C-alpha atoms as a PDB file:
ATOM      1  CA  MET A   1       4.537 -14.000  -6.691  1.00  0.00           C
ATOM      2  CA  THR A   2       7.468 -12.365  -6.585  1.00  0.00           C
ATOM      3  CA  PRO A   3       8.524  -8.937  -7.909  1.00  0.00           C
ATOM      4  CA  GLY A   4       9.472  -9.607 -11.572  1.00  0.00           C
ATOM      5  CA  ASP A   5       7.119 -12.102 -12.489  1.00  0.00           C
ATOM      6  CA  THR A   6       4.986  -9.845 -14.564  1.00  0.00           C
ATOM      7  CA  GLY A   7       5.679  -7.007 -12.553  1.00  0.00           C
ATOM      8  CA  ASP A   8       7.895  -3.881 -13.650  1.00  0.00           C
ATOM      9  CA  ARG A   9      10.749  -3.064 -12.755  1.00  0.00           C
ATOM     10  CA  VAL A  10      12.899   0.015 -12.636  1.00  0.00           C
ATOM     11  CA  GLU A  11      16.838   0.055 -13.134  1.00  0.00           C
ATOM     12  CA  PRO A  12      18.863   1.298  -9.883  1.00  0.00           C
ATOM     13  CA  THR A  13      19.084   3.971  -9.001  1.00  0.00           C
ATOM     14  CA  ALA A  14      22.298   5.517  -9.800  1.00  0.00           C
ATOM     15  CA  GLY A  15      24.998   6.013  -5.978  1.00  0.00           C
ATOM     16  CA  PRO A  16      28.365   5.729  -4.965  1.00  0.00           C
ATOM     17  CA  GLU A  17      29.970   1.965  -5.196  1.00  0.00           C
ATOM     18  CA  HIS A  18      30.578   1.054  -1.406  1.00  0.00           C
ATOM     19  CA  ARG A  19      33.656   1.371   0.325  1.00  0.00           C
ATOM     20  CA  GLY A  20      34.451   0.035   2.896  1.00  0.00           C
ATOM     21  CA  SER A  21      34.998   3.033   4.950  1.00  0.00           C
ATOM     22  CA  ASN A  22      32.147   4.700   4.137  1.00  0.00           C
ATOM     23  CA  GLU A  23      29.957   6.416   6.552  1.00  0.00           C
ATOM     24  CA  HIS A  24      26.699   6.089   4.658  1.00  0.00           C
ATOM     25  CA  GLY A  25      26.859   2.935   2.818  1.00  0.00           C
ATOM     26  CA  PRO A  26      27.733  -1.191   4.803  1.00  0.00           C
ATOM     27  CA  PRO A  27      30.685  -2.119   6.577  1.00  0.00           C
ATOM     28  CA  PRO A  28      33.484  -3.631   4.526  1.00  0.00           C
ATOM     29  CA  ALA A  29      31.861  -7.316   5.352  1.00  0.00           C
ATOM     30  CA  ALA A  30      28.717  -7.210   3.981  1.00  0.00           C
ATOM     31  CA  GLY A  31      26.139  -9.793   4.489  1.00  0.00           C
ATOM     32  CA  ARG A  32      24.487 -12.204   1.970  1.00  0.00           C
ATOM     33  CA  THR A  33      21.189 -11.536   1.978  1.00  0.00           C
ATOM     34  CA  THR A  34      19.805 -15.097   0.910  1.00  0.00           C
ATOM     35  CA  GLY A  35      16.765 -15.814   3.537  1.00  0.00           C
ATOM     36  CA  SER A  36      14.513 -13.239   5.214  1.00  0.00           C
ATOM     37  CA  ARG A  37      16.435 -13.600   8.496  1.00  0.00           C
ATOM     38  CA  GLU A  38      19.976 -12.962   7.939  1.00  0.00           C
ATOM     39  CA  ILE A  39      21.456 -10.350   9.192  1.00  0.00           C
ATOM     40  CA  GLY A  40      22.769  -8.431   6.238  1.00  0.00           C
ATOM     41  CA  TRP A  41      23.885  -4.932   4.785  1.00  0.00           C
ATOM     42  CA  PRO A  42      22.745  -5.125   0.718  1.00  0.00           C
ATOM     43  CA  VAL A  43      24.845  -4.471  -1.631  1.00  0.00           C
ATOM     44  CA  GLU A  44      21.391  -2.947  -3.147  1.00  0.00           C
ATOM     45  CA  LEU A  45      18.565  -1.606  -1.155  1.00  0.00           C
ATOM     46  CA  ARG A  46      15.778  -3.397  -3.203  1.00  0.00           C
ATOM     47  CA  PHE A  47      12.562  -1.566  -2.787  1.00  0.00           C
ATOM     48  CA  VAL A  48       9.201  -3.051  -4.037  1.00  0.00           C
ATOM     49  CA  SER A  49       5.345  -1.718  -4.136  1.00  0.00           C
ATOM     50  CA  TYR A  50       2.866  -2.936  -4.807  1.00  0.00           C
ATOM     51  CA  LEU A  51       0.339   0.169  -4.469  1.00  0.00           C
ATOM     52  CA  SER A  52       0.500   1.127  -7.744  1.00  0.00           C
ATOM     53  CA  PRO A  53      -0.784   1.823 -10.490  1.00  0.00           C
ATOM     54  CA  GLY A  54      -2.935   4.068  -8.088  1.00  0.00           C
ATOM     55  CA  ILE A  55      -0.266   5.708  -6.411  1.00  0.00           C
ATOM     56  CA  PRO A  56       1.686   6.244  -9.092  1.00  0.00           C
ATOM     57  CA  ARG A  57       4.626   4.948  -9.733  1.00  0.00           C
ATOM     58  CA  ALA A  58       6.356   8.348  -9.843  1.00  0.00           C
ATOM     59  CA  PHE A  59       5.736   8.634  -6.381  1.00  0.00           C
ATOM     60  CA  PHE A  60       7.189   5.587  -4.867  1.00  0.00           C
ATOM     61  CA  GLU A  61      10.461   6.123  -7.876  1.00  0.00           C
ATOM     62  CA  ALA A  62      10.744   9.843  -5.460  1.00  0.00           C
ATOM     63  CA  VAL A  63      11.033   7.817  -2.389  1.00  0.00           C
ATOM     64  CA  VAL A  64      13.478   5.447  -3.536  1.00  0.00           C
ATOM     65  CA  ASP A  65      15.694   8.056  -4.796  1.00  0.00           C
ATOM     66  CA  HIS A  66      15.491  10.262  -1.657  1.00  0.00           C
ATOM     67  CA  VAL A  67      16.544   7.520   0.809  1.00  0.00           C
ATOM     68  CA  ARG A  68      19.462   6.449  -2.040  1.00  0.00           C
ATOM     69  CA  GLN A  69      20.618  10.141  -1.941  1.00  0.00           C
ATOM     70  CA  ALA A  70      19.625   9.949   1.822  1.00  0.00           C
ATOM     71  CA  LEU A  71      21.990   6.899   2.653  1.00  0.00           C
ATOM     72  CA  GLY A  72      24.599   7.071  -0.286  1.00  0.00           C
ATOM     73  CA  TRP A  73      23.336   3.763  -1.154  1.00  0.00           C
ATOM     74  CA  ARG A  74      22.370   1.870  -4.699  1.00  0.00           C
ATOM     75  CA  ALA A  75      18.245   1.046  -4.650  1.00  0.00           C
ATOM     76  CA  SER A  76      16.271   0.162  -6.966  1.00  0.00           C
ATOM     77  CA  LEU A  77      12.659  -0.398  -6.999  1.00  0.00           C
ATOM     78  CA  THR A  78      10.402  -3.289  -8.654  1.00  0.00           C
ATOM     79  CA  VAL A  79       6.609  -2.174  -9.065  1.00  0.00           C
ATOM     80  CA  GLU A  80       4.125  -5.243  -8.823  1.00  0.00           C
ATOM     81  CA  SER A  81       0.982  -3.756 -10.146  1.00  0.00           C
ATOM     82  CA  ARG A  82      -1.606  -6.965  -9.526  1.00  0.00           C
ATOM     83  CA  VAL A  83      -2.302  -6.884  -5.935  1.00  0.00           C
ATOM     84  CA  SER A  84      -1.530  -4.823  -3.199  1.00  0.00           C
ATOM     85  CA  GLY A  85       0.132  -7.296  -1.480  1.00  0.00           C
ATOM     86  CA  PRO A  86       1.881 -10.715  -1.332  1.00  0.00           C
ATOM     87  CA  VAL A  87      -1.017 -13.265  -1.600  1.00  0.00           C
ATOM     88  CA  ARG A  88      -1.425 -15.350   0.734  1.00  0.00           C
ATOM     89  CA  GLY A  89      -0.095 -19.016   0.552  1.00  0.00           C
ATOM     90  CA  THR A  90       2.417 -17.704  -2.162  1.00  0.00           C
ATOM     91  CA  GLU A  91       5.940 -17.000  -1.762  1.00  0.00           C
ATOM     92  CA  ASP A  92       6.551 -13.851  -1.073  1.00  0.00           C
ATOM     93  CA  PRO A  93       9.491 -11.847  -2.603  1.00  0.00           C
ATOM     94  CA  PHE A  94      10.855 -11.396   1.175  1.00  0.00           C
ATOM     95  CA  SER A  95      11.569 -14.246   2.576  1.00  0.00           C
ATOM     96  CA  LYS A  96      13.271 -15.483  -0.384  1.00  0.00           C
ATOM     97  CA  GLY A  97      15.594 -12.345   0.261  1.00  0.00           C
ATOM     98  CA  GLU A  98      14.644 -10.980  -2.908  1.00  0.00           C
ATOM     99  CA  ALA A  99      13.669  -7.645  -1.779  1.00  0.00           C
ATOM    100  CA  ASP A 100      14.872  -5.563   1.383  1.00  0.00           C
ATOM    101  CA  VAL A 101      11.940  -2.388   1.860  1.00  0.00           C
ATOM    102  CA  GLY A 102       8.128  -3.252   0.519  1.00  0.00           C
ATOM    103  CA  PHE A 103       4.699  -0.457   0.389  1.00  0.00           C
ATOM    104  CA  MET A 104       1.666  -2.694   0.151  1.00  0.00           C
ATOM    105  CA  CYS A 105      -1.331  -2.616   1.942  1.00  0.00           C
ATOM    106  CA  ALA A 106      -1.733  -3.807   5.400  1.00  0.00           C
ATOM    107  CA  PRO A 107      -3.426  -7.083   5.325  1.00  0.00           C
ATOM    108  CA  ALA A 108      -0.435  -8.298   3.446  1.00  0.00           C
ATOM    109  CA  LEU A 109       1.147  -7.523   6.402  1.00  0.00           C
ATOM    110  CA  PHE A 110      -1.448  -9.440   9.128  1.00  0.00           C
ATOM    111  CA  TRP A 111      -0.415 -12.759   7.624  1.00  0.00           C
ATOM    112  CA  LEU A 112       3.051 -12.050   6.674  1.00  0.00           C
ATOM    113  CA  ARG A 113       3.784 -11.281  10.881  1.00  0.00           C
ATOM    114  CA  LYS A 114       1.850 -14.760  11.080  1.00  0.00           C
ATOM    115  CA  LEU A 115       4.211 -16.754   8.892  1.00  0.00           C
ATOM    116  CA  GLU A 116       6.400 -19.006  11.681  1.00  0.00           C
ATOM    117  CA  ASP A 117       9.492 -17.417  10.113  1.00  0.00           C
ATOM    118  CA  GLN A 118       7.717 -13.813  10.147  1.00  0.00           C
ATOM    119  CA  PRO A 119       9.987 -12.268   6.813  1.00  0.00           C
ATOM    120  CA  VAL A 120       8.704  -8.818   7.630  1.00  0.00           C
ATOM    121  CA  GLU A 121       8.614  -6.405   9.980  1.00  0.00           C
ATOM    122  CA  LEU A 122       7.204  -2.367  10.035  1.00  0.00           C
ATOM    123  CA  LEU A 123       8.940  -0.161   9.257  1.00  0.00           C
ATOM    124  CA  PRO A 124       8.373   2.498  11.891  1.00  0.00           C
ATOM    125  CA  ALA A 125       7.642   5.486   9.352  1.00  0.00           C
ATOM    126  CA  ALA A 126       4.413   6.182   7.389  1.00  0.00           C
ATOM    127  CA  PRO A 127       3.156   8.815   4.664  1.00  0.00           C
ATOM    128  CA  VAL A 128       0.635  11.860   5.581  1.00  0.00           C
ATOM    129  CA  PHE A 129      -1.037  12.801   3.008  1.00  0.00           C
ATOM    130  CA  ARG A 130      -3.124  16.469   2.897  1.00  0.00           C
ATOM    131  CA  ASN A 131      -6.362  15.358   3.853  1.00  0.00           C
ATOM    132  CA  VAL A 132      -8.458  18.305   5.999  1.00  0.00           C
ATOM    133  CA  ARG A 133     -10.916  14.801   7.663  1.00  0.00           C
ATOM    134  CA  ALA A 134      -7.677  13.983   9.499  1.00  0.00           C
ATOM    135  CA  PRO A 135      -4.661  16.490   9.620  1.00  0.00           C
ATOM    136  CA  GLY A 136      -1.302  15.847  10.644  1.00  0.00           C
ATOM    137  CA  ARG A 137      -2.642  11.816  10.700  1.00  0.00           C
ATOM    138  CA  PRO A 138      -1.162   8.497   8.354  1.00  0.00           C
ATOM    139  CA  VAL A 139      -4.636   7.965   7.566  1.00  0.00           C
ATOM    140  CA  TYR A 140      -6.606   7.202   4.594  1.00  0.00           C
ATOM    141  CA  PHE A 141     -10.180   6.415   3.609  1.00  0.00           C
ATOM    142  CA  SER A 142     -12.869   4.401   1.478  1.00  0.00           C
ATOM    143  CA  GLU A 143     -14.572   6.339  -0.802  1.00  0.00           C
ATOM    144  CA  VAL A 144     -17.945   4.903  -1.572  1.00  0.00           C
ATOM    145  CA  VAL A 145     -18.268   6.090  -5.235  1.00  0.00           C
ATOM    146  CA  VAL A 146     -21.640   5.790  -8.049  1.00  0.00           C
ATOM    147  CA  ARG A 147     -22.546   7.841 -11.392  1.00  0.00           C
ATOM    148  CA  PRO A 148     -23.452  11.329 -11.294  1.00  0.00           C
ATOM    149  CA  ASP A 149     -27.383   9.412 -12.882  1.00  0.00           C
ATOM    150  CA  SER A 150     -27.504   6.683  -9.939  1.00  0.00           C
ATOM    151  CA  PRO A 151     -30.490   6.859  -7.363  1.00  0.00           C
ATOM    152  CA  THR A 152     -27.998   5.734  -4.696  1.00  0.00           C
ATOM    153  CA  ASP A 153     -27.405   8.221  -1.857  1.00  0.00           C
ATOM    154  CA  SER A 154     -26.659   5.203   0.529  1.00  0.00           C
ATOM    155  CA  PHE A 155     -24.809   2.017   0.470  1.00  0.00           C
ATOM    156  CA  LEU A 156     -28.357   0.628   1.414  1.00  0.00           C
ATOM    157  CA  ASP A 157     -29.074   1.963  -1.748  1.00  0.00           C
ATOM    158  CA  LEU A 158     -27.105  -0.497  -3.289  1.00  0.00           C
ATOM    159  CA  ARG A 159     -28.685  -3.774  -2.258  1.00  0.00           C
ATOM    160  CA  GLY A 160     -29.077  -6.136  -5.537  1.00  0.00           C
ATOM    161  CA  CYS A 161     -26.737  -3.854  -7.336  1.00  0.00           C
ATOM    162  CA  SER A 162     -23.247  -4.789  -8.847  1.00  0.00           C
ATOM    163  CA  TRP A 163     -19.912  -3.626  -7.186  1.00  0.00           C
ATOM    164  CA  ALA A 164     -16.063  -3.581  -7.739  1.00  0.00           C
ATOM    165  CA  TYR A 165     -12.996  -4.333  -5.764  1.00  0.00           C
ATOM    166  CA  ASN A 166      -9.116  -4.025  -6.663  1.00  0.00           C
ATOM    167  CA  ASP A 167      -8.330  -7.094  -5.355  1.00  0.00           C
ATOM    168  CA  PRO A 168      -8.442  -9.345  -1.948  1.00  0.00           C
ATOM    169  CA  CYS A 169      -5.884  -8.152  -0.368  1.00  0.00           C
ATOM    170  CA  SER A 170      -6.949  -4.833  -0.353  1.00  0.00           C
ATOM    171  CA  LEU A 171      -8.433  -3.001   2.971  1.00  0.00           C
ATOM    172  CA  SER A 172      -9.470   0.310   1.162  1.00  0.00           C
ATOM    173  CA  GLY A 173     -11.030  -1.399  -2.109  1.00  0.00           C
ATOM    174  CA  TYR A 174     -11.650  -5.379  -0.450  1.00  0.00           C
ATOM    175  CA  TYR A 175     -11.463  -5.749   2.990  1.00  0.00           C
ATOM    176  CA  ASN A 176     -13.767  -2.297   4.328  1.00  0.00           C
ATOM    177  CA  LEU A 177     -16.074  -4.059   2.311  1.00  0.00           C
ATOM    178  CA  LEU A 178     -17.248  -6.810   4.263  1.00  0.00           C
ATOM    179  CA  LYS A 179     -16.703  -5.042   7.126  1.00  0.00           C
ATOM    180  CA  LYS A 180     -19.268  -2.807   6.263  1.00  0.00           C
ATOM    181  CA  LEU A 181     -21.462  -5.773   4.831  1.00  0.00           C
ATOM    182  CA  ALA A 182     -21.045  -7.827   8.192  1.00  0.00           C
ATOM    183  CA  ARG A 183     -21.971  -5.000  10.337  1.00  0.00           C
ATOM    184  CA  ILE A 184     -25.613  -4.532   9.344  1.00  0.00           C
ATOM    185  CA  ASP A 185     -25.200  -9.044   9.053  1.00  0.00           C
ATOM    186  CA  GLU A 186     -24.883  -9.136   4.926  1.00  0.00           C
ATOM    187  CA  ASP A 187     -22.010 -10.779   2.692  1.00  0.00           C
ATOM    188  CA  GLY A 188     -21.962 -10.632  -1.246  1.00  0.00           C
ATOM    189  CA  GLY A 189     -25.543 -12.125  -1.733  1.00  0.00           C
ATOM    190  CA  PHE A 190     -26.087  -8.402  -1.034  1.00  0.00           C
ATOM    191  CA  PHE A 191     -25.408  -7.486  -4.254  1.00  0.00           C
ATOM    192  CA  ASN A 192     -26.406  -8.508  -7.642  1.00  0.00           C
ATOM    193  CA  GLY A 193     -22.909  -9.391  -8.517  1.00  0.00           C
ATOM    194  CA  MET A 194     -19.178  -8.318  -7.298  1.00  0.00           C
ATOM    195  CA  TYR A 195     -16.022  -8.088  -9.817  1.00  0.00           C
ATOM    196  CA  CYS A 196     -12.555  -7.875  -9.065  1.00  0.00           C
ATOM    197  CA  SER A 197     -11.354  -4.962 -11.211  1.00  0.00           C
ATOM    198  CA  GLY A 198      -7.878  -5.420 -10.321  1.00  0.00           C
ATOM    199  CA  SER A 199      -6.705  -1.853  -9.628  1.00  0.00           C
ATOM    200  CA  HIS A 200      -8.581   1.442  -8.038  1.00  0.00           C
ATOM    201  CA  LEU A 201      -8.388   2.900 -11.420  1.00  0.00           C
ATOM    202  CA  ASN A 202      -9.770  -0.331 -13.272  1.00  0.00           C
ATOM    203  CA  SER A 203     -12.513   0.024 -10.267  1.00  0.00           C
ATOM    204  CA  MET A 204     -13.681   3.772 -11.402  1.00  0.00           C
ATOM    205  CA  GLU A 205     -13.728   3.095 -14.967  1.00  0.00           C
ATOM    206  CA  MET A 206     -16.013   0.590 -14.554  1.00  0.00           C
ATOM    207  CA  VAL A 207     -18.154   2.515 -12.974  1.00  0.00           C
ATOM    208  CA  VAL A 208     -17.950   5.478 -15.221  1.00  0.00           C
ATOM    209  CA  ARG A 209     -18.423   2.931 -17.979  1.00  0.00           C
ATOM    210  CA  GLY A 210     -21.672   1.590 -16.387  1.00  0.00           C
ATOM    211  CA  GLU A 211     -19.785  -1.935 -16.382  1.00  0.00           C
ATOM    212  CA  VAL A 212     -20.710  -1.757 -12.469  1.00  0.00           C
ATOM    213  CA  ASP A 213     -22.729   0.485 -10.207  1.00  0.00           C
ATOM    214  CA  ALA A 214     -20.387   1.249  -7.343  1.00  0.00           C
ATOM    215  CA  ALA A 215     -16.943   0.821  -6.018  1.00  0.00           C
ATOM    216  CA  THR A 216     -14.794   1.717  -2.597  1.00  0.00           C
ATOM    217  CA  ILE A 217     -11.406   3.583  -4.052  1.00  0.00           C
ATOM    218  CA  ASP A 218      -8.419   4.639  -1.573  1.00  0.00           C
ATOM    219  CA  SER A 219      -9.004   8.031  -1.346  1.00  0.00           C
ATOM    220  CA  ASN A 220      -5.257   8.964  -2.137  1.00  0.00           C
ATOM    221  CA  VAL A 221      -5.678   7.338  -5.284  1.00  0.00           C
ATOM    222  CA  LEU A 222      -8.827   8.859  -5.836  1.00  0.00           C
ATOM    223  CA  ARG A 223      -7.761  12.524  -5.058  1.00  0.00           C
ATOM    224  CA  ILE A 224      -4.675  12.338  -7.611  1.00  0.00           C
ATOM    225  CA  LYS A 225      -6.582  10.573 -10.062  1.00  0.00           C
ATOM    226  CA  LEU A 226      -9.281  13.534 -10.157  1.00  0.00           C
ATOM    227  CA  ARG A 227      -6.201  16.105  -9.946  1.00  0.00           C
ATOM    228  CA  SER A 228      -4.962  14.734 -13.797  1.00  0.00           C
ATOM    229  CA  ALA A 229      -8.442  13.635 -15.053  1.00  0.00           C
ATOM    230  CA  PRO A 230     -10.105  16.867 -13.676  1.00  0.00           C
ATOM    231  CA  GLU A 231     -13.096  15.716 -16.136  1.00  0.00           C
ATOM    232  CA  LEU A 232     -14.037  12.839 -14.017  1.00  0.00           C
ATOM    233  CA  ARG A 233     -15.192  14.808 -11.427  1.00  0.00           C
ATOM    234  CA  GLY A 234     -18.430  14.945 -13.257  1.00  0.00           C
ATOM    235  CA  ARG A 235     -18.495  11.254 -14.254  1.00  0.00           C
ATOM    236  CA  LEU A 236     -18.085   9.914 -10.367  1.00  0.00           C
ATOM    237  CA  ARG A 237     -20.839  10.662  -7.127  1.00  0.00           C
ATOM    238  CA  VAL A 238     -19.026   9.882  -3.659  1.00  0.00           C
ATOM    239  CA  ILE A 239     -22.528   8.889  -1.585  1.00  0.00           C
ATOM    240  CA  GLU A 240     -20.330   7.590   1.600  1.00  0.00           C
ATOM    241  CA  THR A 241     -16.867   7.920   2.669  1.00  0.00           C
ATOM    242  CA  TRP A 242     -15.390   5.074   5.224  1.00  0.00           C
ATOM    243  CA  GLY A 243     -12.359   5.909   8.298  1.00  0.00           C
ATOM    244  CA  PRO A 244     -10.260   7.044   8.806  1.00  0.00           C
ATOM    245  CA  PHE A 245      -7.842   3.794   8.778  1.00  0.00           C
ATOM    246  CA  PRO A 246      -4.242   3.270   9.102  1.00  0.00           C
ATOM    247  CA  ILE A 247      -2.526   3.943   5.933  1.00  0.00           C
ATOM    248  CA  GLN A 248      -0.326   1.507   3.780  1.00  0.00           C
ATOM    249  CA  PRO A 249       2.667   0.337   6.111  1.00  0.00           C
ATOM    250  CA  VAL A 250       5.885   0.588   5.119  1.00  0.00           C
ATOM    251  CA  VAL A 251       7.563  -2.820   6.050  1.00  0.00           C
ATOM    252  CA  LEU A 252      11.395  -4.102   6.169  1.00  0.00           C
ATOM    253  CA  ARG A 253      12.510  -7.275   5.319  1.00  0.00           C
ATOM    254  CA  SER A 254      13.412  -8.833   8.864  1.00  0.00           C
ATOM    255  CA  GLY A 255      16.984 -10.219   7.871  1.00  0.00           C
ATOM    256  CA  LEU A 256      18.344  -6.324   7.588  1.00  0.00           C
ATOM    257  CA  HIS A 257      20.969  -5.346   9.999  1.00  0.00           C
ATOM    258  CA  PRO A 258      19.378  -3.449  13.080  1.00  0.00           C
ATOM    259  CA  GLU A 259      21.679  -0.719  12.376  1.00  0.00           C
ATOM    260  CA  LEU A 260      20.201  -0.516   8.024  1.00  0.00           C
ATOM    261  CA  LYS A 261      16.284  -0.107   9.826  1.00  0.00           C
ATOM    262  CA  ASP A 262      17.316   2.138  11.860  1.00  0.00           C
ATOM    263  CA  ARG A 263      18.959   4.176   9.045  1.00  0.00           C
ATOM    264  CA  LEU A 264      16.319   3.467   6.775  1.00  0.00           C
ATOM    265  CA  ARG A 265      13.448   4.808   8.893  1.00  0.00           C
ATOM    266  CA  ALA A 266      15.384   7.924   9.975  1.00  0.00           C
ATOM    267  CA  ALA A 267      15.799   8.660   6.022  1.00  0.00           C
ATOM    268  CA  LEU A 268      11.923   8.805   5.511  1.00  0.00           C
ATOM    269  CA  LEU A 269      11.592  10.839   8.097  1.00  0.00           C
ATOM    270  CA  THR A 270      13.479  13.834   6.868  1.00  0.00           C
ATOM    271  CA  ILE A 271      11.096  13.485   3.669  1.00  0.00           C
ATOM    272  CA  GLY A 272       9.254  16.526   3.612  1.00  0.00           C
ATOM    273  CA  ALA A 273       7.975  19.198   1.197  1.00  0.00           C
ATOM    274  CA  HIS A 274      11.323  21.288   1.246  1.00  0.00           C
ATOM    275  CA  THR A 275      13.630  18.098   1.142  1.00  0.00           C
ATOM    276  CA  ALA A 276      10.950  15.863  -1.761  1.00  0.00           C
ATOM    277  CA  PRO A 277       9.342  18.379  -3.613  1.00  0.00           C
ATOM    278  CA  ALA A 278       8.299  15.731  -6.257  1.00  0.00           C
ATOM    279  CA  LEU A 279       6.804  13.991  -3.869  1.00  0.00           C
ATOM    280  CA  ALA A 280       4.587  17.521  -2.423  1.00  0.00           C
ATOM    281  CA  GLY A 281       2.774  17.211  -6.053  1.00  0.00           C
ATOM    282  CA  PHE A 282       1.358  14.309  -4.814  1.00  0.00           C
ATOM    283  CA  GLY A 283      -0.194  15.524  -1.505  1.00  0.00           C
ATOM    284  CA  LEU A 284       2.461  14.015   0.332  1.00  0.00           C
ATOM    285  CA  GLU A 285       3.180  16.042   3.803  1.00  0.00           C
ATOM    286  CA  ARG A 286       5.798  13.892   5.628  1.00  0.00           C
ATOM    287  CA  PHE A 287       6.519  10.416   6.822  1.00  0.00           C
ATOM    288  CA  ALA A 288       5.809  10.305  10.690  1.00  0.00           C
ATOM    289  CA  PRO A 289       6.451   7.510  13.021  1.00  0.00           C
ATOM    290  CA  VAL A 290       4.389   5.072  13.897  1.00  0.00           C
ATOM    291  CA  THR A 291       4.207   1.651  15.896  1.00  0.00           C
ATOM    292  CA  TYR A 292       2.434  -1.757  15.102  1.00  0.00           C
ATOM    293  CA  GLU A 293      -0.562  -0.285  17.527  1.00  0.00           C
ATOM    294  CA  HIS A 294      -0.983   1.833  14.670  1.00  0.00           C
ATOM    295  CA  TYR A 295      -2.007  -1.129  12.810  1.00  0.00           C
ATOM    296  CA  ALA A 296      -3.218  -3.874  15.230  1.00  0.00           C
ATOM    297  CA  PRO A 297      -7.276  -2.505  15.589  1.00  0.00           C
ATOM    298  CA  GLU A 298      -7.104  -2.964  11.860  1.00  0.00           C
ATOM    299  CA  GLU A 299      -5.687  -6.434  12.694  1.00  0.00           C
ATOM    300  CA  ARG A 300      -8.301  -7.043  15.159  1.00  0.00           C
ATOM    301  CA  ALA A 301     -11.520  -5.793  13.082  1.00  0.00           C
ATOM    302  CA  LEU A 302     -10.195  -7.559   9.936  1.00  0.00           C
ATOM    303  CA  ARG A 303      -9.748 -11.057  12.083  1.00  0.00           C
ATOM    304  CA  GLU A 304     -13.181 -11.064  13.625  1.00  0.00           C
ATOM    305  CA  CYS A 305     -14.830  -9.538  10.257  1.00  0.00           C
ATOM    306  CA  GLU A 306     -13.599 -13.227   8.518  1.00  0.00           C
ATOM    307  CA  ARG A 307     -14.442 -15.522  11.739  1.00  0.00           C
ATOM    308  CA  THR A 308     -18.136 -13.217  10.772  1.00  0.00           C
ATOM    309  CA  LEU A 309     -18.169 -13.926   7.086  1.00  0.00           C
ATOM    310  CA  GLY A 310     -16.690 -17.555   7.300  1.00  0.00           C
ATOM    311  CA  LEU A 311     -14.150 -16.189   5.504  1.00  0.00           C
ATOM    312  CA  GLN A 312     -10.079 -16.348   5.130  1.00  0.00           C
ATOM    313  CA  SER A 313      -7.435 -13.621   4.966  1.00  0.00           C
ATOM    314  CA  CYS A 314      -5.706 -12.744   1.511  1.00  0.00           C
END
């Protein structure tokens, strides 16, 4: 699955054409980008997001526009809305040299790092959203939601009920559920049925319509949706909160030039409420420096969960 298969493409944002002496643009001998390992300065930075529609497309458009302006570089955005990251066992756009920067859920980063060619690496800057439970930290939570009239008050009350998850590459919607089941020595048989909804927004709708009894929702997705549709506050009830977990990573194609990687990191770290007011409207405070150690404990936890349940990661 690659960006553009059935995902939506945002046309390249306007930006200066590259000039050999442009202090912000690439050097005169821009590298080709035919594979993940080739060191290159792409003529256009190609971003891909796997996190919409839960996190609105406009959020990522604003991030891309900020980077374009900060670097003086042409940039485009593709949105893949079917999964939270490249699916294991399929071609990914980074290995094919078709994407340079990606927003995805952590499990996809974990398995991409296990590929022989390691097509991606962590971009060491991550978003920080406003959250009184973890102020100033690049983390988020999984919210277990039911209908207000549900008799359940805890996860254990959901035995024999039905469950919706967004997709099998999601940390907040799928893997956190698997970890919970493994901790209580259960598996999917705990539920009467488990249904893949296709997105966090669909999972919420399935709960509201009574098609399933419960779901886990990304805390930022839930907050943003409740702000745009406040009537849902009376139609959903949070019975448990799990976390915090490391926020969805930003990844880089490994073959980008090291100087370009540094510039991309620096550009993201300048994002704040004053430099990118459009992003503040989504609850973003800033981008913060991170290293892979921020994500490594979660990778170990997922591997252990897979071994316990006899599963293969996404």
